[in-house]
């Protein structure tokens, strides 16, 4: 019983990590749509590092100019979607294990 409960807790924690990562990526996608915010927040270096951390198959894919002077990063949006899906899967697995 104890190992099942530990697995459920571990999956719940992993789920929260995926959810937090997805929310942060969604916020980054929104901020990148406005060029003024990127300059004020001085996150260009972070964005470049984040782009390099993406898999080569999707890195830089779907970069669309926004009407606000920035860009919409579809690759970041895809990773955020994947994180939300992994969050859901971990939540379901955590409930099944309990």
C-alpha atoms as a PDB file:
ATOM      1  CA  UNK A   1       0.000   0.000   0.000  1.00  0.00           C
ATOM      2  CA  UNK A   2       2.859   2.394   0.803  1.00  0.00           C
ATOM      3  CA  UNK A   3       4.570   2.044  -2.569  1.00  0.00           C
ATOM      4  CA  UNK A   4       1.303   2.687  -4.407  1.00  0.00           C
ATOM      5  CA  UNK A   5       0.743   5.838  -2.367  1.00  0.00           C
ATOM      6  CA  UNK A   6       4.329   6.975  -3.020  1.00  0.00           C
ATOM      7  CA  UNK A   7       3.870   6.413  -6.756  1.00  0.00           C
ATOM      8  CA  UNK A   8       0.632   8.398  -6.690  1.00  0.00           C
ATOM      9  CA  UNK A   9       2.323  11.285  -4.896  1.00  0.00           C
ATOM     10  CA  UNK A  10       5.266  11.207  -7.322  1.00  0.00           C
ATOM     11  CA  UNK A  11       2.910  11.281 -10.303  1.00  0.00           C
ATOM     12  CA  UNK A  12       0.957  14.164  -8.758  1.00  0.00           C
ATOM     13  CA  UNK A  13       4.170  16.142  -8.247  1.00  0.00           C
ATOM     14  CA  UNK A  14       5.268  15.399 -11.809  1.00  0.00           C
ATOM     15  CA  UNK A  15       1.869  16.546 -12.991  1.00  0.00           C
ATOM     16  CA  UNK A  16       2.268  19.887 -11.213  1.00  0.00           C
ATOM     17  CA  UNK A  17       5.723  20.330 -12.745  1.00  0.00           C
ATOM     18  CA  UNK A  18       4.334  19.736 -16.250  1.00  0.00           C
ATOM     19  CA  UNK A  19       1.459  22.125 -15.560  1.00  0.00           C
ATOM     20  CA  UNK A  20       3.782  24.849 -14.314  1.00  0.00           C
ATOM     21  CA  UNK A  21       6.067  24.417 -17.336  1.00  0.00           C
ATOM     22  CA  UNK A  22       3.083  24.638 -19.679  1.00  0.00           C
ATOM     23  CA  UNK A  23       1.777  27.803 -18.032  1.00  0.00           C
ATOM     24  CA  UNK A  24       5.210  29.429 -18.155  1.00  0.00           C
ATOM     25  CA  UNK A  25       5.553  28.545 -21.837  1.00  0.00           C
ATOM     26  CA  UNK A  26       2.100  30.003 -22.541  1.00  0.00           C
ATOM     27  CA  UNK A  27       3.125  33.229 -20.811  1.00  0.00           C
ATOM     28  CA  UNK A  28       6.345  33.326 -22.835  1.00  0.00           C
ATOM     29  CA  UNK A  29       4.380  32.870 -26.068  1.00  0.00           C
ATOM     30  CA  UNK A  30       2.148  35.791 -25.106  1.00  0.00           C
ATOM     31  CA  UNK A  31       5.058  38.024 -24.092  1.00  0.00           C
ATOM     32  CA  UNK A  32       6.883  37.277 -27.342  1.00  0.00           C
ATOM     33  CA  UNK A  33       3.946  38.638 -29.324  1.00  0.00           C
ATOM     34  CA  UNK A  34       4.844  42.120 -28.049  1.00  0.00           C
ATOM     35  CA  UNK A  35       8.333  43.289 -29.004  1.00  0.00           C
ATOM     36  CA  UNK A  36       8.349  46.052 -26.396  1.00  0.00           C
ATOM     37  CA  UNK A  37       7.819  43.604 -23.539  1.00  0.00           C
ATOM     38  CA  UNK A  38      10.689  41.396 -24.675  1.00  0.00           C
ATOM     39  CA  UNK A  39      13.050  44.356 -24.658  1.00  0.00           C
ATOM     40  CA  UNK A  40      11.831  45.665 -21.292  1.00  0.00           C
ATOM     41  CA  UNK A  41      12.029  42.273 -19.596  1.00  0.00           C
ATOM     42  CA  UNK A  42      15.447  41.604 -21.157  1.00  0.00           C
ATOM     43  CA  UNK A  43      14.636  37.951 -21.854  1.00  0.00           C
ATOM     44  CA  UNK A  44      16.226  37.623 -25.284  1.00  0.00           C
ATOM     45  CA  UNK A  45      19.066  35.466 -23.981  1.00  0.00           C
ATOM     46  CA  UNK A  46      16.624  33.213 -22.136  1.00  0.00           C
ATOM     47  CA  UNK A  47      14.501  32.808 -25.275  1.00  0.00           C
ATOM     48  CA  UNK A  48      17.564  31.865 -27.329  1.00  0.00           C
ATOM     49  CA  UNK A  49      18.575  29.279 -24.723  1.00  0.00           C
ATOM     50  CA  UNK A  50      15.032  27.934 -24.615  1.00  0.00           C
ATOM     51  CA  UNK A  51      14.982  27.672 -28.415  1.00  0.00           C
ATOM     52  CA  UNK A  52      18.213  25.680 -28.340  1.00  0.00           C
ATOM     53  CA  UNK A  53      16.720  23.301 -25.759  1.00  0.00           C
ATOM     54  CA  UNK A  54      13.835  22.378 -28.054  1.00  0.00           C
ATOM     55  CA  UNK A  55      14.111  19.272 -30.228  1.00  0.00           C
ATOM     56  CA  UNK A  56      15.632  20.042 -33.611  1.00  0.00           C
ATOM     57  CA  UNK A  57      12.500  18.783 -35.384  1.00  0.00           C
ATOM     58  CA  UNK A  58      10.355  21.655 -34.090  1.00  0.00           C
ATOM     59  CA  UNK A  59      12.853  24.355 -33.064  1.00  0.00           C
ATOM     60  CA  UNK A  60      12.042  27.564 -34.907  1.00  0.00           C
ATOM     61  CA  UNK A  61       9.059  25.992 -36.650  1.00  0.00           C
ATOM     62  CA  UNK A  62       6.017  28.189 -37.059  1.00  0.00           C
ATOM     63  CA  UNK A  63       7.475  31.565 -36.088  1.00  0.00           C
ATOM     64  CA  UNK A  64       4.787  34.000 -37.231  1.00  0.00           C
ATOM     65  CA  UNK A  65       4.996  37.794 -37.092  1.00  0.00           C
ATOM     66  CA  UNK A  66       2.354  39.292 -34.827  1.00  0.00           C
ATOM     67  CA  UNK A  67       0.609  42.593 -35.480  1.00  0.00           C
ATOM     68  CA  UNK A  68       2.103  43.941 -32.241  1.00  0.00           C
ATOM     69  CA  UNK A  69       5.695  43.883 -33.471  1.00  0.00           C
ATOM     70  CA  UNK A  70       6.697  40.580 -31.934  1.00  0.00           C
ATOM     71  CA  UNK A  71       6.415  36.977 -33.046  1.00  0.00           C
ATOM     72  CA  UNK A  72       4.133  34.089 -32.246  1.00  0.00           C
ATOM     73  CA  UNK A  73       6.254  31.005 -31.505  1.00  0.00           C
ATOM     74  CA  UNK A  74       4.245  27.980 -32.587  1.00  0.00           C
ATOM     75  CA  UNK A  75       7.064  25.680 -31.471  1.00  0.00           C
ATOM     76  CA  UNK A  76       6.763  26.972 -27.888  1.00  0.00           C
ATOM     77  CA  UNK A  77       2.980  26.614 -28.113  1.00  0.00           C
ATOM     78  CA  UNK A  78       3.366  22.974 -29.212  1.00  0.00           C
ATOM     79  CA  UNK A  79       5.669  22.211 -26.299  1.00  0.00           C
ATOM     80  CA  UNK A  80       3.186  23.882 -23.925  1.00  0.00           C
ATOM     81  CA  UNK A  81       0.413  21.714 -25.370  1.00  0.00           C
ATOM     82  CA  UNK A  82       2.564  18.611 -24.887  1.00  0.00           C
ATOM     83  CA  UNK A  83       3.197  19.633 -21.269  1.00  0.00           C
ATOM     84  CA  UNK A  84      -0.538  20.072 -20.667  1.00  0.00           C
ATOM     85  CA  UNK A  85      -1.180  16.610 -22.144  1.00  0.00           C
ATOM     86  CA  UNK A  86       1.544  15.071 -19.960  1.00  0.00           C
ATOM     87  CA  UNK A  87       0.016  16.861 -16.968  1.00  0.00           C
ATOM     88  CA  UNK A  88      -3.345  15.271 -17.735  1.00  0.00           C
ATOM     89  CA  UNK A  89      -1.819  11.820 -18.213  1.00  0.00           C
ATOM     90  CA  UNK A  90       0.083  12.042 -14.925  1.00  0.00           C
ATOM     91  CA  UNK A  91      -3.047  13.186 -13.069  1.00  0.00           C
ATOM     92  CA  UNK A  92      -5.065  10.283 -14.452  1.00  0.00           C
ATOM     93  CA  UNK A  93      -2.302   7.786 -13.657  1.00  0.00           C
ATOM     94  CA  UNK A  94      -2.002   9.179 -10.136  1.00  0.00           C
ATOM     95  CA  UNK A  95      -5.730   8.673  -9.552  1.00  0.00           C
ATOM     96  CA  UNK A  96      -5.617   5.158 -10.978  1.00  0.00           C
ATOM     97  CA  UNK A  97      -2.692   4.141  -8.772  1.00  0.00           C
ATOM     98  CA  UNK A  98      -4.444   5.285  -5.592  1.00  0.00           C
END
